[in-house]
Amino acid sequence: MQLKKLELKNFKRLVDFQARFRSGINVVKGPLNEMGKSTLLDSIIVALFNNPKSTAKELEDYVSWGSAKQYQTSLEFEDKGNTYLLEKDFDKGTIRLIDKTTGEGLDTFKEISEKISELLGTSSDNLFLCSSCIRQDQVSEISSGKKEISESLEEIVSGGKESTLASQVIQKLDDKISEIRKGLDRPAKIDGSLKSLKKQLENSSRDYT
């Protein structure tokens, strides 16, 4: 999925806002903190995943200060040659997804959530966040030289509360597999669990023959 255009109404400090995205990596920057960078990311998550009929308290926190109406989101994106428009009105509780290429449309949250999950490859907003963007603090760690770029990206994709590299997880799995397979491919002082089970099976077979 490639994001193309985002329009917002009454979404926190982004009262009447439009943004266009290019292919590849898009960098969002501002001269100071509290300029709306995090709010922009929040709006994309809300536009993709949240139900406009929800009464969750955290969704009310996104309403612009002093606004009598809740917010609206409009997200245009492309996937495999098709252009889609996803519109949500949290004031009226309405939602619709239009395939602008075919003219087909959906207007229920369940159907649209299933379609978005199919296009993104996940229904998890947390997984989407971990795999689709690099936050400001993560960028500063890369630019400062404290971490290699590859390690920083691995941590982002791996997600989780603790600092874990995907390569470390893979190495642990490889070590565990090697431990389990000890004695199968070549003699070992201490057999792994698979070799031990194989011996037990062979002994049981001899007992019953």
N, C-alpha and C. Protein backbone atom coordinates (compact mmCIF):
# COMPACT_ATOMS: atom_id res chain seq x y z
N MET A 1 0.84 -1.20 0.00
CA MET A 1 0.00 0.00 0.00
C MET A 1 0.88 1.25 0.00
N GLN A 2 0.54 2.20 -0.87
CA GLN A 2 1.26 3.46 -0.95
C GLN A 2 0.31 4.61 -0.64
N LEU A 3 0.56 5.32 0.47
CA LEU A 3 -0.27 6.47 0.81
C LEU A 3 -0.04 7.58 -0.21
N LYS A 4 -1.11 8.23 -0.64
CA LYS A 4 -1.01 9.29 -1.64
C LYS A 4 -1.44 10.65 -1.09
N LYS A 5 -2.55 10.68 -0.34
CA LYS A 5 -3.08 11.97 0.10
C LYS A 5 -3.86 11.80 1.40
N LEU A 6 -3.73 12.77 2.29
CA LEU A 6 -4.46 12.76 3.56
C LEU A 6 -5.12 14.12 3.76
N GLU A 7 -6.41 14.11 4.11
CA GLU A 7 -7.13 15.33 4.43
C GLU A 7 -7.78 15.17 5.80
N LEU A 8 -7.65 16.23 6.63
CA LEU A 8 -8.18 16.19 8.00
C LEU A 8 -9.00 17.44 8.29
N LYS A 9 -10.06 17.24 9.09
CA LYS A 9 -10.87 18.34 9.59
C LYS A 9 -11.00 18.18 11.11
N ASN A 10 -10.66 19.21 11.85
CA ASN A 10 -10.85 19.24 13.31
C ASN A 10 -10.10 18.14 14.05
N PHE A 11 -8.93 17.75 13.53
CA PHE A 11 -8.13 16.72 14.19
C PHE A 11 -7.01 17.39 14.98
N LYS A 12 -7.27 17.62 16.29
CA LYS A 12 -6.35 18.32 17.18
C LYS A 12 -5.90 19.64 16.55
N ARG A 13 -4.60 19.89 16.46
CA ARG A 13 -4.14 21.16 15.91
C ARG A 13 -4.27 21.22 14.38
N LEU A 14 -4.53 20.08 13.75
CA LEU A 14 -4.70 20.03 12.29
C LEU A 14 -6.17 20.26 11.95
N VAL A 15 -6.60 21.52 12.05
CA VAL A 15 -8.02 21.87 11.91
C VAL A 15 -8.51 21.71 10.48
N ASP A 16 -7.72 22.16 9.53
CA ASP A 16 -8.05 22.04 8.11
C ASP A 16 -6.74 21.74 7.38
N PHE A 17 -6.46 20.46 7.18
CA PHE A 17 -5.11 20.05 6.81
C PHE A 17 -5.13 19.10 5.61
N GLN A 18 -4.12 19.26 4.75
CA GLN A 18 -3.92 18.36 3.63
C GLN A 18 -2.44 18.01 3.52
N ALA A 19 -2.15 16.78 3.14
CA ALA A 19 -0.76 16.35 2.92
C ALA A 19 -0.74 15.35 1.77
N ARG A 20 0.29 15.46 0.96
CA ARG A 20 0.50 14.50 -0.13
C ARG A 20 1.78 13.73 0.13
N PHE A 21 1.78 12.46 -0.25
CA PHE A 21 2.93 11.60 -0.02
C PHE A 21 3.48 11.11 -1.35
N ARG A 22 4.79 11.00 -1.41
CA ARG A 22 5.46 10.51 -2.62
C ARG A 22 5.85 9.05 -2.45
N SER A 23 6.21 8.40 -3.54
CA SER A 23 6.70 7.02 -3.46
C SER A 23 8.02 7.00 -2.71
N GLY A 24 8.28 5.93 -1.98
CA GLY A 24 9.51 5.81 -1.22
C GLY A 24 9.36 6.35 0.19
N ILE A 25 10.45 6.81 0.78
CA ILE A 25 10.45 7.30 2.16
C ILE A 25 10.02 8.77 2.19
N ASN A 26 9.05 9.08 3.05
CA ASN A 26 8.62 10.46 3.26
C ASN A 26 9.10 10.93 4.62
N VAL A 27 9.72 12.11 4.67
CA VAL A 27 10.24 12.66 5.92
C VAL A 27 9.32 13.80 6.37
N VAL A 28 8.85 13.72 7.61
CA VAL A 28 8.01 14.76 8.20
C VAL A 28 8.84 15.49 9.25
N LYS A 29 9.03 16.80 9.07
CA LYS A 29 9.86 17.55 10.02
C LYS A 29 9.20 18.89 10.34
N GLY A 30 9.61 19.45 11.48
CA GLY A 30 9.12 20.75 11.90
C GLY A 30 10.21 21.48 12.64
N PRO A 31 10.18 22.81 12.67
CA PRO A 31 11.25 23.58 13.31
C PRO A 31 11.28 23.42 14.83
N LEU A 32 10.14 23.07 15.44
CA LEU A 32 10.04 22.97 16.89
C LEU A 32 9.23 21.73 17.27
N ASN A 33 9.27 21.38 18.57
CA ASN A 33 8.39 20.33 19.06
C ASN A 33 6.95 20.82 19.09
N GLU A 34 6.03 19.89 19.20
CA GLU A 34 4.59 20.21 19.27
C GLU A 34 4.09 20.94 18.04
N MET A 35 4.68 20.60 16.89
CA MET A 35 4.24 21.23 15.64
C MET A 35 3.20 20.38 14.92
N GLY A 36 2.97 19.14 15.40
CA GLY A 36 1.95 18.30 14.80
C GLY A 36 2.46 17.06 14.10
N LYS A 37 3.77 16.74 14.26
CA LYS A 37 4.32 15.56 13.59
C LYS A 37 3.68 14.28 14.13
N SER A 38 3.63 14.15 15.45
CA SER A 38 3.02 12.97 16.06
C SER A 38 1.51 12.94 15.78
N THR A 39 0.90 14.10 15.76
CA THR A 39 -0.53 14.18 15.47
C THR A 39 -0.82 13.67 14.07
N LEU A 40 0.06 14.00 13.12
CA LEU A 40 -0.11 13.52 11.75
C LEU A 40 -0.07 11.99 11.71
N LEU A 41 0.88 11.39 12.44
CA LEU A 41 0.96 9.93 12.49
C LEU A 41 -0.28 9.34 13.15
N ASP A 42 -0.72 9.96 14.23
CA ASP A 42 -1.95 9.49 14.91
C ASP A 42 -3.14 9.51 13.96
N SER A 43 -3.21 10.56 13.14
CA SER A 43 -4.36 10.68 12.23
C SER A 43 -4.37 9.58 11.19
N ILE A 44 -3.19 9.16 10.74
CA ILE A 44 -3.12 8.07 9.76
C ILE A 44 -3.60 6.77 10.39
N ILE A 45 -3.19 6.52 11.64
CA ILE A 45 -3.63 5.32 12.34
C ILE A 45 -5.15 5.34 12.52
N VAL A 46 -5.69 6.48 12.95
CA VAL A 46 -7.14 6.61 13.14
C VAL A 46 -7.86 6.40 11.81
N ALA A 47 -7.33 7.00 10.75
CA ALA A 47 -7.95 6.90 9.43
C ALA A 47 -7.99 5.46 8.94
N LEU A 48 -6.97 4.68 9.26
CA LEU A 48 -6.90 3.30 8.79
C LEU A 48 -7.65 2.31 9.67
N PHE A 49 -7.59 2.51 10.99
CA PHE A 49 -8.00 1.43 11.89
C PHE A 49 -9.23 1.69 12.75
N ASN A 50 -9.54 2.94 13.08
CA ASN A 50 -10.57 3.18 14.09
C ASN A 50 -11.98 3.28 13.53
N ASN A 51 -12.93 2.88 14.39
CA ASN A 51 -14.35 2.88 14.03
C ASN A 51 -14.95 4.26 14.32
N PRO A 52 -15.52 4.94 13.32
CA PRO A 52 -16.10 6.27 13.57
C PRO A 52 -17.31 6.25 14.49
N LYS A 53 -17.85 5.08 14.76
CA LYS A 53 -18.97 4.98 15.69
C LYS A 53 -18.51 4.68 17.12
N SER A 54 -17.20 4.52 17.31
CA SER A 54 -16.68 4.19 18.63
C SER A 54 -16.86 5.36 19.59
N THR A 55 -17.09 5.01 20.86
CA THR A 55 -17.21 6.03 21.91
C THR A 55 -16.00 6.00 22.84
N ALA A 56 -14.91 5.40 22.40
CA ALA A 56 -13.70 5.30 23.22
C ALA A 56 -13.19 6.69 23.59
N LYS A 57 -12.82 6.83 24.86
CA LYS A 57 -12.39 8.14 25.37
C LYS A 57 -11.17 8.66 24.62
N GLU A 58 -10.22 7.78 24.27
CA GLU A 58 -9.00 8.24 23.62
C GLU A 58 -9.27 8.87 22.26
N LEU A 59 -10.36 8.45 21.60
CA LEU A 59 -10.70 9.04 20.31
C LEU A 59 -11.25 10.45 20.46
N GLU A 60 -11.91 10.72 21.57
CA GLU A 60 -12.43 12.07 21.83
C GLU A 60 -11.28 13.06 22.02
N ASP A 61 -10.13 12.58 22.47
CA ASP A 61 -8.99 13.46 22.72
C ASP A 61 -8.40 14.05 21.44
N TYR A 62 -8.78 13.52 20.28
CA TYR A 62 -8.26 14.02 19.02
C TYR A 62 -9.05 15.21 18.47
N VAL A 63 -10.18 15.54 19.09
CA VAL A 63 -11.01 16.65 18.61
C VAL A 63 -10.27 17.97 18.82
N SER A 64 -10.31 18.85 17.81
CA SER A 64 -9.66 20.15 17.91
C SER A 64 -10.21 20.95 19.08
N TRP A 65 -9.34 21.68 19.74
CA TRP A 65 -9.72 22.48 20.90
C TRP A 65 -10.79 23.50 20.51
N GLY A 66 -11.90 23.50 21.23
CA GLY A 66 -12.96 24.46 21.00
C GLY A 66 -13.92 24.08 19.89
N SER A 67 -13.70 22.95 19.23
CA SER A 67 -14.58 22.56 18.13
C SER A 67 -15.86 21.89 18.65
N ALA A 68 -16.98 22.27 18.07
CA ALA A 68 -18.26 21.67 18.46
C ALA A 68 -18.49 20.35 17.75
N LYS A 69 -17.70 20.08 16.70
CA LYS A 69 -17.86 18.86 15.92
C LYS A 69 -16.62 17.99 16.04
N GLN A 70 -16.84 16.68 15.92
CA GLN A 70 -15.71 15.77 15.89
C GLN A 70 -15.05 15.82 14.52
N TYR A 71 -14.00 15.07 14.35
CA TYR A 71 -13.14 15.19 13.19
C TYR A 71 -13.56 14.30 12.02
N GLN A 72 -12.98 14.62 10.88
CA GLN A 72 -13.16 13.83 9.66
C GLN A 72 -11.78 13.48 9.10
N THR A 73 -11.66 12.28 8.55
CA THR A 73 -10.40 11.87 7.92
C THR A 73 -10.71 11.37 6.51
N SER A 74 -9.81 11.67 5.59
CA SER A 74 -9.93 11.20 4.22
C SER A 74 -8.55 10.77 3.76
N LEU A 75 -8.40 9.50 3.44
CA LEU A 75 -7.10 8.95 3.09
C LEU A 75 -7.17 8.29 1.71
N GLU A 76 -6.31 8.75 0.82
CA GLU A 76 -6.23 8.16 -0.52
C GLU A 76 -4.94 7.37 -0.64
N PHE A 77 -5.04 6.16 -1.18
CA PHE A 77 -3.85 5.31 -1.30
C PHE A 77 -3.98 4.40 -2.51
N GLU A 78 -2.84 3.84 -2.92
CA GLU A 78 -2.80 2.92 -4.06
C GLU A 78 -2.32 1.55 -3.60
N ASP A 79 -2.82 0.53 -4.28
CA ASP A 79 -2.35 -0.83 -4.02
C ASP A 79 -2.55 -1.67 -5.28
N LYS A 80 -1.45 -2.20 -5.80
CA LYS A 80 -1.47 -3.08 -6.98
C LYS A 80 -2.22 -2.44 -8.14
N GLY A 81 -1.95 -1.15 -8.36
CA GLY A 81 -2.53 -0.47 -9.51
C GLY A 81 -3.90 0.14 -9.29
N ASN A 82 -4.54 -0.17 -8.16
CA ASN A 82 -5.86 0.39 -7.85
C ASN A 82 -5.72 1.56 -6.88
N THR A 83 -6.55 2.58 -7.06
CA THR A 83 -6.58 3.75 -6.18
C THR A 83 -7.81 3.69 -5.29
N TYR A 84 -7.62 3.85 -4.00
CA TYR A 84 -8.71 3.76 -3.02
C TYR A 84 -8.87 5.09 -2.28
N LEU A 85 -10.10 5.37 -1.87
CA LEU A 85 -10.39 6.53 -1.03
C LEU A 85 -11.15 6.04 0.20
N LEU A 86 -10.55 6.27 1.37
CA LEU A 86 -11.15 5.85 2.64
C LEU A 86 -11.56 7.10 3.42
N GLU A 87 -12.86 7.27 3.64
CA GLU A 87 -13.39 8.45 4.32
C GLU A 87 -14.11 8.05 5.60
N LYS A 88 -13.82 8.80 6.68
CA LYS A 88 -14.49 8.56 7.96
C LYS A 88 -14.95 9.90 8.53
N ASP A 89 -16.18 9.91 9.01
CA ASP A 89 -16.74 11.09 9.68
C ASP A 89 -17.10 10.68 11.10
N PHE A 90 -16.28 11.09 12.06
CA PHE A 90 -16.49 10.69 13.45
C PHE A 90 -17.60 11.49 14.12
N ASP A 91 -18.04 12.55 13.47
CA ASP A 91 -19.16 13.33 13.98
C ASP A 91 -20.48 12.64 13.63
N LYS A 92 -20.58 12.14 12.40
CA LYS A 92 -21.79 11.47 11.94
C LYS A 92 -21.72 9.96 12.12
N GLY A 93 -20.51 9.44 12.39
CA GLY A 93 -20.35 8.00 12.57
C GLY A 93 -20.42 7.22 11.27
N THR A 94 -19.99 7.83 10.17
CA THR A 94 -20.08 7.18 8.86
C THR A 94 -18.69 6.81 8.34
N ILE A 95 -18.68 5.85 7.44
CA ILE A 95 -17.44 5.37 6.85
C ILE A 95 -17.72 4.84 5.46
N ARG A 96 -16.76 5.02 4.55
CA ARG A 96 -16.88 4.40 3.23
C ARG A 96 -15.51 4.24 2.60
N LEU A 97 -15.37 3.16 1.85
CA LEU A 97 -14.15 2.87 1.11
C LEU A 97 -14.53 2.70 -0.35
N ILE A 98 -13.93 3.51 -1.21
CA ILE A 98 -14.24 3.46 -2.63
C ILE A 98 -13.00 3.04 -3.41
N ASP A 99 -13.16 2.05 -4.26
CA ASP A 99 -12.11 1.69 -5.21
C ASP A 99 -12.32 2.60 -6.43
N LYS A 100 -11.53 3.64 -6.55
CA LYS A 100 -11.73 4.63 -7.61
C LYS A 100 -11.41 4.06 -8.99
N THR A 101 -10.69 2.94 -9.01
CA THR A 101 -10.35 2.31 -10.28
C THR A 101 -11.54 1.53 -10.84
N THR A 102 -12.25 0.80 -9.96
CA THR A 102 -13.36 -0.04 -10.41
C THR A 102 -14.73 0.58 -10.12
N GLY A 103 -14.76 1.56 -9.21
CA GLY A 103 -16.03 2.17 -8.83
C GLY A 103 -16.76 1.43 -7.73
N GLU A 104 -16.21 0.29 -7.27
CA GLU A 104 -16.84 -0.48 -6.20
C GLU A 104 -16.62 0.20 -4.85
N GLY A 105 -17.57 -0.02 -3.93
CA GLY A 105 -17.46 0.62 -2.63
C GLY A 105 -17.98 -0.24 -1.50
N LEU A 106 -17.50 0.06 -0.29
CA LEU A 106 -17.95 -0.59 0.93
C LEU A 106 -18.34 0.50 1.92
N ASP A 107 -19.32 0.20 2.80
CA ASP A 107 -19.75 1.24 3.74
C ASP A 107 -20.03 0.72 5.15
N THR A 108 -19.50 -0.46 5.48
CA THR A 108 -19.61 -0.94 6.86
C THR A 108 -18.20 -1.11 7.43
N PHE A 109 -18.06 -0.84 8.73
CA PHE A 109 -16.74 -0.90 9.36
C PHE A 109 -16.15 -2.30 9.27
N LYS A 110 -16.95 -3.33 9.43
CA LYS A 110 -16.46 -4.71 9.40
C LYS A 110 -15.88 -5.04 8.02
N GLU A 111 -16.63 -4.74 6.96
CA GLU A 111 -16.16 -5.04 5.61
C GLU A 111 -14.91 -4.24 5.27
N ILE A 112 -14.90 -2.97 5.66
CA ILE A 112 -13.76 -2.12 5.35
C ILE A 112 -12.54 -2.55 6.14
N SER A 113 -12.71 -2.92 7.41
CA SER A 113 -11.59 -3.39 8.22
C SER A 113 -10.97 -4.64 7.61
N GLU A 114 -11.79 -5.54 7.13
CA GLU A 114 -11.29 -6.76 6.49
C GLU A 114 -10.52 -6.44 5.22
N LYS A 115 -11.01 -5.47 4.46
CA LYS A 115 -10.33 -5.08 3.22
C LYS A 115 -9.01 -4.39 3.52
N ILE A 116 -9.00 -3.49 4.49
CA ILE A 116 -7.76 -2.82 4.87
C ILE A 116 -6.73 -3.82 5.39
N SER A 117 -7.19 -4.79 6.19
CA SER A 117 -6.31 -5.83 6.69
C SER A 117 -5.69 -6.63 5.55
N GLU A 118 -6.50 -6.90 4.54
CA GLU A 118 -6.02 -7.63 3.36
C GLU A 118 -4.97 -6.82 2.62
N LEU A 119 -5.20 -5.52 2.46
CA LEU A 119 -4.28 -4.67 1.72
C LEU A 119 -2.98 -4.42 2.49
N LEU A 120 -3.09 -4.25 3.82
CA LEU A 120 -1.91 -3.97 4.64
C LEU A 120 -1.15 -5.23 5.01
N GLY A 121 -1.85 -6.36 5.06
CA GLY A 121 -1.24 -7.59 5.53
C GLY A 121 -1.32 -7.74 7.04
N THR A 122 -2.06 -6.85 7.70
CA THR A 122 -2.23 -6.92 9.15
C THR A 122 -3.46 -6.11 9.56
N SER A 123 -4.07 -6.52 10.67
CA SER A 123 -5.18 -5.76 11.25
C SER A 123 -4.72 -5.05 12.52
N SER A 124 -3.42 -5.11 12.81
CA SER A 124 -2.87 -4.55 14.04
C SER A 124 -2.28 -3.16 13.79
N ASP A 125 -2.78 -2.16 14.50
CA ASP A 125 -2.20 -0.82 14.37
C ASP A 125 -0.79 -0.78 14.93
N ASN A 126 -0.51 -1.59 15.97
CA ASN A 126 0.84 -1.63 16.55
C ASN A 126 1.85 -2.20 15.57
N LEU A 127 1.48 -3.27 14.87
CA LEU A 127 2.37 -3.86 13.88
C LEU A 127 2.60 -2.88 12.73
N PHE A 128 1.54 -2.18 12.35
CA PHE A 128 1.68 -1.19 11.28
C PHE A 128 2.67 -0.10 11.70
N LEU A 129 2.55 0.38 12.93
CA LEU A 129 3.45 1.41 13.43
C LEU A 129 4.90 0.93 13.46
N CYS A 130 5.10 -0.31 13.91
CA CYS A 130 6.45 -0.85 14.04
C CYS A 130 7.13 -1.04 12.68
N SER A 131 6.35 -1.26 11.64
CA SER A 131 6.94 -1.64 10.36
C SER A 131 6.84 -0.56 9.28
N SER A 132 6.16 0.55 9.55
CA SER A 132 5.93 1.52 8.49
C SER A 132 6.56 2.88 8.73
N CYS A 133 7.06 3.14 9.93
CA CYS A 133 7.61 4.47 10.19
C CYS A 133 8.76 4.40 11.18
N ILE A 134 9.59 5.44 11.14
CA ILE A 134 10.68 5.61 12.09
C ILE A 134 10.43 6.92 12.82
N ARG A 135 10.30 6.86 14.14
CA ARG A 135 10.00 8.07 14.92
C ARG A 135 11.26 8.91 15.13
N GLN A 136 11.04 10.14 15.61
CA GLN A 136 12.11 11.11 15.76
C GLN A 136 13.22 10.61 16.67
N ASP A 137 12.87 9.98 17.81
CA ASP A 137 13.91 9.52 18.73
C ASP A 137 14.73 8.40 18.11
N GLN A 138 14.09 7.59 17.26
CA GLN A 138 14.81 6.51 16.59
C GLN A 138 15.75 7.06 15.53
N VAL A 139 15.32 8.12 14.84
CA VAL A 139 16.18 8.76 13.85
C VAL A 139 17.41 9.36 14.52
N SER A 140 17.23 9.99 15.70
CA SER A 140 18.35 10.63 16.40
C SER A 140 19.39 9.59 16.82
N GLU A 141 18.95 8.38 17.19
CA GLU A 141 19.89 7.33 17.58
C GLU A 141 20.73 6.89 16.38
N ILE A 142 20.09 6.87 15.21
CA ILE A 142 20.83 6.49 14.00
C ILE A 142 21.83 7.57 13.63
N SER A 143 21.38 8.84 13.61
CA SER A 143 22.24 9.94 13.18
C SER A 143 23.38 10.20 14.16
N SER A 144 23.18 9.86 15.43
CA SER A 144 24.22 10.10 16.43
C SER A 144 25.34 9.06 16.34
N GLY A 145 25.10 7.97 15.64
CA GLY A 145 26.10 6.93 15.52
C GLY A 145 26.08 5.92 16.64
N LYS A 146 25.10 6.07 17.56
CA LYS A 146 25.01 5.12 18.68
C LYS A 146 24.64 3.72 18.19
N LYS A 147 23.89 3.67 17.12
CA LYS A 147 23.48 2.38 16.58
C LYS A 147 23.68 2.36 15.07
N GLU A 148 24.00 1.19 14.55
CA GLU A 148 24.05 1.03 13.11
C GLU A 148 22.64 1.13 12.56
N ILE A 149 22.53 1.59 11.32
CA ILE A 149 21.22 1.73 10.69
C ILE A 149 20.50 0.39 10.66
N SER A 150 21.23 -0.69 10.33
CA SER A 150 20.59 -2.01 10.22
C SER A 150 20.00 -2.44 11.55
N GLU A 151 20.72 -2.17 12.66
CA GLU A 151 20.22 -2.56 13.98
C GLU A 151 18.99 -1.74 14.36
N SER A 152 19.03 -0.46 14.06
CA SER A 152 17.90 0.41 14.40
C SER A 152 16.64 -0.03 13.65
N LEU A 153 16.80 -0.35 12.38
CA LEU A 153 15.65 -0.79 11.59
C LEU A 153 15.14 -2.13 12.08
N GLU A 154 16.06 -3.03 12.47
CA GLU A 154 15.64 -4.33 13.00
C GLU A 154 14.81 -4.17 14.26
N GLU A 155 15.22 -3.26 15.16
CA GLU A 155 14.47 -3.04 16.39
C GLU A 155 13.08 -2.51 16.10
N ILE A 156 12.97 -1.62 15.12
CA ILE A 156 11.68 -1.04 14.77
C ILE A 156 10.74 -2.11 14.24
N VAL A 157 11.25 -2.96 13.35
CA VAL A 157 10.42 -4.01 12.76
C VAL A 157 10.07 -5.06 13.81
N SER A 158 11.03 -5.37 14.71
CA SER A 158 10.78 -6.38 15.74
C SER A 158 9.72 -5.91 16.72
N GLY A 159 9.71 -4.59 17.02
CA GLY A 159 8.74 -4.04 17.96
C GLY A 159 9.00 -4.54 19.37
N GLY A 160 7.99 -4.42 20.23
CA GLY A 160 8.12 -4.87 21.61
C GLY A 160 8.67 -3.79 22.51
N LYS A 161 8.55 -4.01 23.82
CA LYS A 161 8.99 -3.03 24.80
C LYS A 161 10.50 -3.06 24.99
N GLU A 162 11.11 -4.23 24.84
CA GLU A 162 12.54 -4.34 25.05
C GLU A 162 13.28 -4.21 23.73
N SER A 163 14.54 -3.81 23.82
CA SER A 163 15.36 -3.66 22.63
C SER A 163 15.78 -5.04 22.13
N THR A 164 15.22 -5.49 21.04
CA THR A 164 15.49 -6.82 20.50
C THR A 164 15.71 -6.74 19.00
N LEU A 165 16.82 -7.29 18.54
CA LEU A 165 17.11 -7.31 17.11
C LEU A 165 16.55 -8.58 16.50
N ALA A 166 16.04 -8.46 15.28
CA ALA A 166 15.52 -9.63 14.59
C ALA A 166 16.62 -10.68 14.41
N SER A 167 17.84 -10.22 14.13
CA SER A 167 18.96 -11.15 13.94
C SER A 167 19.25 -11.93 15.22
N GLN A 168 19.06 -11.28 16.39
CA GLN A 168 19.27 -11.97 17.66
C GLN A 168 18.22 -13.04 17.87
N VAL A 169 16.99 -12.73 17.52
CA VAL A 169 15.91 -13.72 17.65
C VAL A 169 16.18 -14.92 16.75
N ILE A 170 16.60 -14.65 15.51
CA ILE A 170 16.89 -15.74 14.57
C ILE A 170 18.05 -16.59 15.07
N GLN A 171 19.08 -15.94 15.65
CA GLN A 171 20.23 -16.68 16.16
C GLN A 171 19.82 -17.59 17.32
N LYS A 172 18.96 -17.08 18.20
CA LYS A 172 18.49 -17.90 19.32
C LYS A 172 17.70 -19.10 18.83
N LEU A 173 16.89 -18.89 17.80
CA LEU A 173 16.12 -19.99 17.24
C LEU A 173 17.05 -21.03 16.62
N ASP A 174 18.07 -20.56 15.88
CA ASP A 174 19.04 -21.48 15.28
C ASP A 174 19.76 -22.29 16.34
N ASP A 175 20.15 -21.62 17.44
CA ASP A 175 20.85 -22.32 18.53
C ASP A 175 19.94 -23.37 19.17
N LYS A 176 18.67 -23.03 19.34
CA LYS A 176 17.73 -23.97 19.95
C LYS A 176 17.50 -25.18 19.05
N ILE A 177 17.40 -24.93 17.75
CA ILE A 177 17.21 -26.03 16.80
C ILE A 177 18.43 -26.95 16.81
N SER A 178 19.64 -26.37 16.84
CA SER A 178 20.87 -27.16 16.88
C SER A 178 20.94 -28.02 18.13
N GLU A 179 20.50 -27.42 19.26
CA GLU A 179 20.49 -28.16 20.52
C GLU A 179 19.53 -29.34 20.46
N ILE A 180 18.37 -29.13 19.87
CA ILE A 180 17.37 -30.20 19.77
C ILE A 180 17.85 -31.32 18.86
N ARG A 181 18.62 -30.95 17.80
CA ARG A 181 19.04 -31.94 16.78
C ARG A 181 20.37 -32.62 17.11
N LYS A 182 20.99 -32.33 18.23
CA LYS A 182 22.28 -32.93 18.58
C LYS A 182 22.21 -34.46 18.51
N GLY A 183 23.21 -35.05 17.86
CA GLY A 183 23.28 -36.51 17.77
C GLY A 183 22.59 -37.08 16.55
N LEU A 184 21.80 -36.29 15.85
CA LEU A 184 21.10 -36.80 14.66
C LEU A 184 22.02 -36.87 13.46
N ASP A 185 22.77 -35.80 13.22
CA ASP A 185 23.62 -35.74 12.03
C ASP A 185 25.01 -36.32 12.26
N ARG A 186 25.50 -36.20 13.48
CA ARG A 186 26.82 -36.75 13.83
C ARG A 186 26.82 -37.05 15.33
N PRO A 187 27.73 -37.95 15.77
CA PRO A 187 27.76 -38.34 17.19
C PRO A 187 27.99 -37.13 18.09
N ALA A 188 27.35 -37.15 19.26
CA ALA A 188 27.50 -36.07 20.23
C ALA A 188 27.62 -36.66 21.63
N LYS A 189 28.33 -35.94 22.53
CA LYS A 189 28.46 -36.42 23.90
C LYS A 189 27.11 -36.49 24.59
N ILE A 190 26.30 -35.48 24.36
CA ILE A 190 24.95 -35.44 24.94
C ILE A 190 23.95 -35.30 23.81
N ASP A 191 23.09 -36.27 23.67
CA ASP A 191 22.11 -36.24 22.59
C ASP A 191 21.03 -35.19 22.85
N GLY A 192 20.53 -34.62 21.77
CA GLY A 192 19.41 -33.70 21.87
C GLY A 192 18.11 -34.46 22.04
N SER A 193 17.03 -33.72 22.21
CA SER A 193 15.74 -34.35 22.50
C SER A 193 15.24 -35.20 21.34
N LEU A 194 15.53 -34.80 20.11
CA LEU A 194 15.08 -35.60 18.96
C LEU A 194 15.80 -36.94 18.90
N LYS A 195 17.14 -36.92 19.14
CA LYS A 195 17.91 -38.16 19.13
C LYS A 195 17.45 -39.09 20.26
N SER A 196 17.18 -38.51 21.43
CA SER A 196 16.71 -39.31 22.57
C SER A 196 15.36 -39.96 22.25
N LEU A 197 14.47 -39.20 21.64
CA LEU A 197 13.16 -39.76 21.27
C LEU A 197 13.31 -40.85 20.21
N LYS A 198 14.24 -40.65 19.29
CA LYS A 198 14.47 -41.65 18.25
C LYS A 198 14.97 -42.96 18.87
N LYS A 199 15.87 -42.87 19.85
CA LYS A 199 16.37 -44.06 20.53
C LYS A 199 15.24 -44.78 21.28
N GLN A 200 14.39 -44.01 21.95
CA GLN A 200 13.27 -44.60 22.68
C GLN A 200 12.33 -45.32 21.73
N LEU A 201 12.10 -44.72 20.57
CA LEU A 201 11.22 -45.33 19.57
C LEU A 201 11.83 -46.63 19.04
N GLU A 202 13.14 -46.62 18.79
CA GLU A 202 13.80 -47.81 18.30
C GLU A 202 13.76 -48.93 19.35
N ASN A 203 13.99 -48.57 20.60
CA ASN A 203 13.95 -49.57 21.69
C ASN A 203 12.55 -50.13 21.84
N SER A 204 11.54 -49.27 21.74
CA SER A 204 10.16 -49.75 21.85
C SER A 204 9.80 -50.67 20.70
N SER A 205 10.31 -50.36 19.51
CA SER A 205 10.04 -51.21 18.34
C SER A 205 10.64 -52.58 18.50
N ARG A 206 11.88 -52.64 19.06
CA ARG A 206 12.52 -53.93 19.28
C ARG A 206 11.77 -54.72 20.34
N ASP A 207 11.25 -54.06 21.35
CA ASP A 207 10.53 -54.75 22.42
C ASP A 207 9.25 -55.41 21.91
N TYR A 208 8.65 -54.82 20.89
CA TYR A 208 7.39 -55.34 20.39
C TYR A 208 7.53 -56.22 19.16
N THR A 209 8.80 -56.53 18.77
CA THR A 209 9.01 -57.41 17.62
C THR A 209 9.49 -58.79 18.08
